[in-house]
Amino acid sequence: MIKIFLDTNVVMDFLEKTRIRHIISSTIVRECLVGNITGCISETGITNCSYLLRKTFNQKQQNEIFSNFSKFLNILGLTSNALEKACKVNISDIEDAILYQIALENDCAFFITSNVEDFASIAQPSLKVVSPAYFLEWYEKEN
């Protein structure tokens, strides 16, 4: 089974129905929900989404959303090793470097983000950085 990492922007696209990539991101998350894909997000992805969604969903709604996430997504934590490696790469956004290192450390095959270009300087062959649309196109061809 394919293992993917969802960047925070993909999770936000899924959660906010008014966003442009909502349908594509929802399709990917649904495949994780039914168990066809092993989906992963970082613990900071959860906290960042919670902060961004505070005006959209009340605390009770957020608790339900994130509790449900824990049932079908792997929530990945930051290790000292991943942080150290992230601090050594050439990228302007340390958060992106950290998320990428977390995904690498956990053997994800795809890092799915709406900001593919932001990862160009650190992408490695073992972890492809792709857009949600690209991933969905690839996934549909493979299955």
N, C-alpha and C. Protein backbone atom coordinates (compact mmCIF):
# COMPACT_ATOMS: atom_id res chain seq x y z
N MET A 1 0.85 -1.17 0.00
CA MET A 1 0.00 0.00 0.00
C MET A 1 0.89 1.24 0.00
N ILE A 2 0.49 2.23 -0.78
CA ILE A 2 1.26 3.45 -0.90
C ILE A 2 1.10 4.31 0.37
N LYS A 3 2.20 4.92 0.79
CA LYS A 3 2.21 5.76 2.00
C LYS A 3 2.50 7.19 1.58
N ILE A 4 1.60 8.10 1.94
CA ILE A 4 1.73 9.50 1.54
C ILE A 4 1.76 10.41 2.75
N PHE A 5 2.37 11.58 2.57
CA PHE A 5 2.38 12.62 3.58
C PHE A 5 1.57 13.79 3.05
N LEU A 6 0.62 14.26 3.84
CA LEU A 6 -0.22 15.40 3.45
C LEU A 6 0.29 16.67 4.11
N ASP A 7 0.69 17.62 3.29
CA ASP A 7 1.12 18.92 3.80
C ASP A 7 -0.10 19.63 4.40
N THR A 8 0.16 20.58 5.25
CA THR A 8 -0.92 21.31 5.93
C THR A 8 -1.89 21.94 4.95
N ASN A 9 -1.39 22.46 3.83
CA ASN A 9 -2.29 23.11 2.88
C ASN A 9 -3.27 22.11 2.24
N VAL A 10 -2.88 20.87 2.11
CA VAL A 10 -3.77 19.85 1.56
C VAL A 10 -4.87 19.52 2.57
N VAL A 11 -4.50 19.43 3.83
CA VAL A 11 -5.49 19.17 4.88
C VAL A 11 -6.47 20.34 4.96
N MET A 12 -5.97 21.56 4.87
CA MET A 12 -6.85 22.73 4.88
C MET A 12 -7.78 22.73 3.67
N ASP A 13 -7.27 22.34 2.51
CA ASP A 13 -8.13 22.23 1.32
C ASP A 13 -9.26 21.24 1.55
N PHE A 14 -8.95 20.15 2.22
CA PHE A 14 -9.96 19.15 2.55
C PHE A 14 -11.00 19.70 3.53
N LEU A 15 -10.55 20.40 4.55
CA LEU A 15 -11.45 20.85 5.62
C LEU A 15 -12.32 22.05 5.25
N GLU A 16 -11.82 22.90 4.38
CA GLU A 16 -12.59 24.09 4.00
C GLU A 16 -13.17 23.92 2.60
N LYS A 17 -14.46 23.74 2.54
CA LYS A 17 -15.16 23.41 1.29
C LYS A 17 -15.09 24.52 0.25
N THR A 18 -14.76 25.73 0.64
CA THR A 18 -14.70 26.84 -0.30
C THR A 18 -13.36 26.95 -1.02
N ARG A 19 -12.39 26.17 -0.61
CA ARG A 19 -11.06 26.26 -1.22
C ARG A 19 -11.05 25.59 -2.60
N ILE A 20 -10.22 26.12 -3.46
CA ILE A 20 -10.16 25.68 -4.86
C ILE A 20 -9.86 24.19 -5.00
N ARG A 21 -8.99 23.66 -4.19
CA ARG A 21 -8.57 22.26 -4.32
C ARG A 21 -9.34 21.32 -3.39
N HIS A 22 -10.48 21.75 -2.90
CA HIS A 22 -11.25 20.94 -1.95
C HIS A 22 -11.61 19.56 -2.50
N ILE A 23 -12.12 19.50 -3.70
CA ILE A 23 -12.58 18.22 -4.26
C ILE A 23 -11.41 17.26 -4.45
N ILE A 24 -10.30 17.74 -4.98
CA ILE A 24 -9.13 16.89 -5.19
C ILE A 24 -8.60 16.38 -3.86
N SER A 25 -8.45 17.28 -2.90
CA SER A 25 -7.93 16.88 -1.59
C SER A 25 -8.89 15.94 -0.88
N SER A 26 -10.19 16.18 -1.02
CA SER A 26 -11.19 15.29 -0.42
C SER A 26 -11.10 13.89 -0.99
N THR A 27 -10.85 13.78 -2.27
CA THR A 27 -10.71 12.47 -2.90
C THR A 27 -9.52 11.71 -2.32
N ILE A 28 -8.42 12.40 -2.14
CA ILE A 28 -7.22 11.77 -1.56
C ILE A 28 -7.48 11.35 -0.12
N VAL A 29 -8.06 12.23 0.67
CA VAL A 29 -8.34 11.91 2.07
C VAL A 29 -9.33 10.75 2.16
N ARG A 30 -10.31 10.71 1.29
CA ARG A 30 -11.29 9.61 1.27
C ARG A 30 -10.60 8.27 1.02
N GLU A 31 -9.61 8.25 0.14
CA GLU A 31 -8.86 7.01 -0.12
C GLU A 31 -8.09 6.57 1.13
N CYS A 32 -7.64 7.53 1.92
CA CYS A 32 -7.00 7.20 3.20
C CYS A 32 -8.04 6.65 4.17
N LEU A 33 -9.19 7.28 4.20
CA LEU A 33 -10.26 6.88 5.12
C LEU A 33 -10.71 5.43 4.88
N VAL A 34 -10.83 5.05 3.62
CA VAL A 34 -11.30 3.68 3.31
C VAL A 34 -10.17 2.66 3.34
N GLY A 35 -8.95 3.12 3.58
CA GLY A 35 -7.83 2.20 3.75
C GLY A 35 -7.09 1.81 2.49
N ASN A 36 -7.32 2.52 1.39
CA ASN A 36 -6.60 2.22 0.15
C ASN A 36 -5.21 2.84 0.11
N ILE A 37 -5.04 3.89 0.89
CA ILE A 37 -3.78 4.63 0.98
C ILE A 37 -3.45 4.81 2.46
N THR A 38 -2.18 4.70 2.81
CA THR A 38 -1.76 5.04 4.17
C THR A 38 -1.42 6.52 4.18
N GLY A 39 -2.25 7.30 4.84
CA GLY A 39 -2.08 8.74 4.89
C GLY A 39 -1.40 9.17 6.18
N CYS A 40 -0.51 10.15 6.07
CA CYS A 40 0.22 10.66 7.22
C CYS A 40 0.17 12.18 7.23
N ILE A 41 0.11 12.73 8.43
CA ILE A 41 0.26 14.17 8.63
C ILE A 41 1.13 14.35 9.88
N SER A 42 1.64 15.54 10.05
CA SER A 42 2.47 15.79 11.22
C SER A 42 1.62 16.33 12.36
N GLU A 43 2.16 16.18 13.55
CA GLU A 43 1.46 16.74 14.71
C GLU A 43 1.34 18.25 14.58
N THR A 44 2.34 18.88 13.99
CA THR A 44 2.25 20.33 13.80
C THR A 44 1.22 20.69 12.73
N GLY A 45 0.98 19.78 11.80
CA GLY A 45 -0.08 19.99 10.81
C GLY A 45 -1.43 20.10 11.51
N ILE A 46 -1.62 19.27 12.51
CA ILE A 46 -2.87 19.32 13.29
C ILE A 46 -2.98 20.65 14.03
N THR A 47 -1.92 21.04 14.72
CA THR A 47 -2.00 22.28 15.50
C THR A 47 -2.11 23.51 14.59
N ASN A 48 -1.42 23.48 13.46
CA ASN A 48 -1.53 24.61 12.53
C ASN A 48 -2.93 24.71 11.94
N CYS A 49 -3.52 23.58 11.57
CA CYS A 49 -4.89 23.58 11.06
C CYS A 49 -5.86 24.09 12.12
N SER A 50 -5.67 23.64 13.34
CA SER A 50 -6.54 24.08 14.43
C SER A 50 -6.50 25.60 14.57
N TYR A 51 -5.31 26.16 14.51
CA TYR A 51 -5.16 27.61 14.61
C TYR A 51 -5.86 28.31 13.44
N LEU A 52 -5.66 27.80 12.23
CA LEU A 52 -6.25 28.41 11.05
C LEU A 52 -7.76 28.27 10.99
N LEU A 53 -8.28 27.23 11.61
CA LEU A 53 -9.72 26.94 11.54
C LEU A 53 -10.52 27.52 12.71
N ARG A 54 -9.88 28.23 13.59
CA ARG A 54 -10.56 28.69 14.81
C ARG A 54 -11.77 29.58 14.53
N LYS A 55 -11.82 30.22 13.37
CA LYS A 55 -12.97 31.06 13.02
C LYS A 55 -14.02 30.28 12.22
N THR A 56 -13.62 29.14 11.69
CA THR A 56 -14.53 28.33 10.87
C THR A 56 -15.28 27.29 11.69
N PHE A 57 -14.56 26.66 12.62
CA PHE A 57 -15.14 25.61 13.46
C PHE A 57 -14.93 25.94 14.93
N ASN A 58 -15.95 25.67 15.75
CA ASN A 58 -15.77 25.87 17.19
C ASN A 58 -14.92 24.73 17.75
N GLN A 59 -14.56 24.84 19.01
CA GLN A 59 -13.64 23.86 19.61
C GLN A 59 -14.21 22.44 19.60
N LYS A 60 -15.49 22.31 19.87
CA LYS A 60 -16.12 20.99 19.86
C LYS A 60 -16.04 20.36 18.46
N GLN A 61 -16.30 21.16 17.44
CA GLN A 61 -16.21 20.66 16.06
C GLN A 61 -14.77 20.27 15.71
N GLN A 62 -13.82 21.09 16.11
CA GLN A 62 -12.42 20.77 15.85
C GLN A 62 -12.01 19.49 16.56
N ASN A 63 -12.44 19.34 17.81
CA ASN A 63 -12.11 18.12 18.55
C ASN A 63 -12.63 16.89 17.81
N GLU A 64 -13.82 16.98 17.28
CA GLU A 64 -14.39 15.85 16.55
C GLU A 64 -13.61 15.58 15.26
N ILE A 65 -13.29 16.63 14.53
CA ILE A 65 -12.53 16.49 13.27
C ILE A 65 -11.19 15.80 13.54
N PHE A 66 -10.43 16.32 14.49
CA PHE A 66 -9.09 15.81 14.71
C PHE A 66 -9.10 14.45 15.40
N SER A 67 -10.11 14.20 16.19
CA SER A 67 -10.26 12.86 16.78
C SER A 67 -10.51 11.84 15.68
N ASN A 68 -11.32 12.22 14.71
CA ASN A 68 -11.58 11.32 13.57
C ASN A 68 -10.32 11.11 12.74
N PHE A 69 -9.52 12.16 12.58
CA PHE A 69 -8.26 12.01 11.84
C PHE A 69 -7.40 10.91 12.45
N SER A 70 -7.37 10.87 13.76
CA SER A 70 -6.50 9.89 14.44
C SER A 70 -6.94 8.46 14.18
N LYS A 71 -8.13 8.27 13.67
CA LYS A 71 -8.64 6.93 13.38
C LYS A 71 -8.19 6.41 12.01
N PHE A 72 -7.82 7.33 11.09
CA PHE A 72 -7.46 6.84 9.76
C PHE A 72 -6.21 7.48 9.17
N LEU A 73 -5.61 8.41 9.88
CA LEU A 73 -4.34 8.99 9.44
C LEU A 73 -3.28 8.73 10.50
N ASN A 74 -2.06 8.49 10.06
CA ASN A 74 -0.94 8.37 10.98
C ASN A 74 -0.47 9.77 11.33
N ILE A 75 -0.46 10.09 12.61
CA ILE A 75 0.00 11.39 13.07
C ILE A 75 1.47 11.23 13.44
N LEU A 76 2.34 11.90 12.69
CA LEU A 76 3.78 11.73 12.85
C LEU A 76 4.39 12.86 13.66
N GLY A 77 5.28 12.50 14.55
CA GLY A 77 5.94 13.47 15.40
C GLY A 77 7.32 13.85 14.88
N LEU A 78 7.82 14.92 15.42
CA LEU A 78 9.15 15.40 15.08
C LEU A 78 10.18 14.74 16.00
N THR A 79 11.24 14.25 15.40
CA THR A 79 12.34 13.68 16.18
C THR A 79 13.52 14.65 16.15
N SER A 80 14.43 14.47 17.08
CA SER A 80 15.65 15.29 17.10
C SER A 80 16.43 15.13 15.81
N ASN A 81 16.48 13.91 15.30
CA ASN A 81 17.21 13.62 14.07
C ASN A 81 16.61 14.39 12.88
N ALA A 82 15.30 14.36 12.76
CA ALA A 82 14.64 15.07 11.66
C ALA A 82 14.86 16.57 11.77
N LEU A 83 14.79 17.10 12.98
CA LEU A 83 15.01 18.53 13.18
C LEU A 83 16.45 18.91 12.80
N GLU A 84 17.39 18.12 13.22
CA GLU A 84 18.79 18.40 12.91
C GLU A 84 19.02 18.41 11.39
N LYS A 85 18.46 17.43 10.71
CA LYS A 85 18.61 17.37 9.25
C LYS A 85 17.91 18.54 8.57
N ALA A 86 16.73 18.91 9.07
CA ALA A 86 15.98 20.02 8.48
C ALA A 86 16.75 21.33 8.60
N CYS A 87 17.47 21.49 9.68
CA CYS A 87 18.24 22.72 9.90
C CYS A 87 19.47 22.82 8.99
N LYS A 88 19.84 21.72 8.35
CA LYS A 88 21.03 21.70 7.50
C LYS A 88 20.73 21.84 6.02
N VAL A 89 19.46 21.82 5.62
CA VAL A 89 19.14 21.89 4.20
C VAL A 89 18.98 23.33 3.75
N ASN A 90 19.10 23.52 2.45
CA ASN A 90 19.02 24.85 1.86
C ASN A 90 17.59 25.15 1.44
N ILE A 91 16.82 25.71 2.37
CA ILE A 91 15.44 26.09 2.08
C ILE A 91 15.10 27.27 2.96
N SER A 92 14.27 28.16 2.46
CA SER A 92 13.97 29.39 3.21
C SER A 92 12.95 29.19 4.33
N ASP A 93 12.16 28.14 4.27
CA ASP A 93 11.12 27.93 5.28
C ASP A 93 11.44 26.68 6.10
N ILE A 94 11.84 26.88 7.34
CA ILE A 94 12.23 25.76 8.20
C ILE A 94 11.05 24.81 8.42
N GLU A 95 9.83 25.33 8.47
CA GLU A 95 8.67 24.46 8.66
C GLU A 95 8.56 23.46 7.51
N ASP A 96 8.75 23.92 6.28
CA ASP A 96 8.72 23.01 5.14
C ASP A 96 9.82 21.95 5.25
N ALA A 97 11.00 22.37 5.64
CA ALA A 97 12.12 21.44 5.79
C ALA A 97 11.81 20.39 6.86
N ILE A 98 11.21 20.82 7.95
CA ILE A 98 10.86 19.89 9.03
C ILE A 98 9.83 18.88 8.55
N LEU A 99 8.78 19.35 7.91
CA LEU A 99 7.74 18.44 7.44
C LEU A 99 8.30 17.43 6.44
N TYR A 100 9.15 17.91 5.55
CA TYR A 100 9.75 17.01 4.57
C TYR A 100 10.61 15.95 5.26
N GLN A 101 11.39 16.37 6.24
CA GLN A 101 12.24 15.41 6.97
C GLN A 101 11.40 14.39 7.75
N ILE A 102 10.29 14.83 8.31
CA ILE A 102 9.40 13.90 9.01
C ILE A 102 8.89 12.85 8.03
N ALA A 103 8.48 13.29 6.86
CA ALA A 103 7.97 12.35 5.84
C ALA A 103 9.07 11.40 5.38
N LEU A 104 10.27 11.91 5.19
CA LEU A 104 11.41 11.06 4.80
C LEU A 104 11.69 10.01 5.87
N GLU A 105 11.74 10.45 7.10
CA GLU A 105 12.06 9.58 8.22
C GLU A 105 11.03 8.45 8.38
N ASN A 106 9.81 8.70 7.91
CA ASN A 106 8.74 7.72 8.05
C ASN A 106 8.44 6.97 6.75
N ASP A 107 9.37 7.02 5.81
CA ASP A 107 9.32 6.23 4.58
C ASP A 107 8.07 6.47 3.72
N CYS A 108 7.64 7.72 3.66
CA CYS A 108 6.53 8.06 2.77
C CYS A 108 7.05 8.05 1.32
N ALA A 109 6.19 7.69 0.40
CA ALA A 109 6.57 7.65 -1.02
C ALA A 109 6.28 8.98 -1.72
N PHE A 110 5.26 9.69 -1.24
CA PHE A 110 4.88 10.98 -1.83
C PHE A 110 4.67 12.01 -0.74
N PHE A 111 5.13 13.22 -1.01
CA PHE A 111 4.86 14.38 -0.17
C PHE A 111 3.91 15.24 -0.99
N ILE A 112 2.67 15.33 -0.55
CA ILE A 112 1.65 16.02 -1.34
C ILE A 112 1.44 17.41 -0.78
N THR A 113 1.63 18.40 -1.66
CA THR A 113 1.55 19.80 -1.26
C THR A 113 1.06 20.65 -2.43
N SER A 114 0.44 21.76 -2.11
CA SER A 114 0.06 22.73 -3.15
C SER A 114 1.21 23.65 -3.51
N ASN A 115 2.30 23.55 -2.77
CA ASN A 115 3.47 24.40 -2.97
C ASN A 115 4.68 23.59 -3.41
N VAL A 116 4.55 22.86 -4.48
CA VAL A 116 5.62 21.97 -4.95
C VAL A 116 6.93 22.72 -5.14
N GLU A 117 6.86 23.91 -5.69
CA GLU A 117 8.08 24.67 -5.99
C GLU A 117 8.87 25.02 -4.73
N ASP A 118 8.20 25.12 -3.59
CA ASP A 118 8.88 25.46 -2.34
C ASP A 118 9.84 24.35 -1.89
N PHE A 119 9.66 23.14 -2.40
CA PHE A 119 10.46 22.00 -1.97
C PHE A 119 11.51 21.58 -3.00
N ALA A 120 11.60 22.30 -4.09
CA ALA A 120 12.50 21.92 -5.19
C ALA A 120 13.95 21.75 -4.74
N SER A 121 14.40 22.60 -3.84
CA SER A 121 15.81 22.55 -3.45
C SER A 121 16.15 21.41 -2.49
N ILE A 122 15.14 20.77 -1.90
CA ILE A 122 15.42 19.71 -0.94
C ILE A 122 14.83 18.35 -1.32
N ALA A 123 14.05 18.30 -2.39
CA ALA A 123 13.41 17.04 -2.79
C ALA A 123 14.44 15.97 -3.11
N GLN A 124 14.15 14.77 -2.66
CA GLN A 124 15.02 13.62 -2.91
C GLN A 124 14.25 12.57 -3.71
N PRO A 125 14.95 11.76 -4.49
CA PRO A 125 14.27 10.75 -5.32
C PRO A 125 13.41 9.79 -4.51
N SER A 126 13.78 9.53 -3.28
CA SER A 126 13.02 8.57 -2.46
C SER A 126 11.69 9.12 -1.96
N LEU A 127 11.50 10.43 -2.04
CA LEU A 127 10.26 11.07 -1.59
C LEU A 127 9.86 12.15 -2.59
N LYS A 128 8.98 11.78 -3.49
CA LYS A 128 8.55 12.70 -4.54
C LYS A 128 7.64 13.77 -3.97
N VAL A 129 7.88 15.01 -4.36
CA VAL A 129 7.03 16.14 -3.98
C VAL A 129 6.10 16.41 -5.15
N VAL A 130 4.80 16.26 -4.90
CA VAL A 130 3.83 16.40 -5.98
C VAL A 130 2.61 17.18 -5.51
N SER A 131 1.89 17.73 -6.47
CA SER A 131 0.64 18.43 -6.18
C SER A 131 -0.46 17.40 -5.95
N PRO A 132 -1.55 17.80 -5.29
CA PRO A 132 -2.67 16.88 -5.14
C PRO A 132 -3.20 16.38 -6.49
N ALA A 133 -3.29 17.26 -7.47
CA ALA A 133 -3.79 16.86 -8.78
C ALA A 133 -2.87 15.84 -9.44
N TYR A 134 -1.57 16.07 -9.37
CA TYR A 134 -0.61 15.13 -9.95
C TYR A 134 -0.73 13.77 -9.25
N PHE A 135 -0.77 13.79 -7.92
CA PHE A 135 -0.86 12.52 -7.20
C PHE A 135 -2.13 11.78 -7.57
N LEU A 136 -3.26 12.45 -7.62
CA LEU A 136 -4.52 11.79 -7.93
C LEU A 136 -4.50 11.19 -9.34
N GLU A 137 -3.91 11.92 -10.28
CA GLU A 137 -3.78 11.40 -11.65
C GLU A 137 -2.92 10.14 -11.64
N TRP A 138 -1.78 10.18 -10.96
CA TRP A 138 -0.90 9.01 -10.85
C TRP A 138 -1.63 7.85 -10.19
N TYR A 139 -2.30 8.12 -9.08
CA TYR A 139 -3.00 7.09 -8.32
C TYR A 139 -4.09 6.41 -9.14
N GLU A 140 -4.84 7.18 -9.87
CA GLU A 140 -5.92 6.61 -10.69
C GLU A 140 -5.37 5.74 -11.81
N LYS A 141 -4.22 6.09 -12.36
CA LYS A 141 -3.58 5.26 -13.39
C LYS A 141 -3.09 3.94 -12.81
N GLU A 142 -2.57 4.00 -11.58
CA GLU A 142 -1.99 2.82 -10.93
C GLU A 142 -3.03 1.86 -10.38
N ASN A 143 -4.24 2.35 -10.16
CA ASN A 143 -5.27 1.50 -9.54
C ASN A 143 -6.43 1.36 -10.44
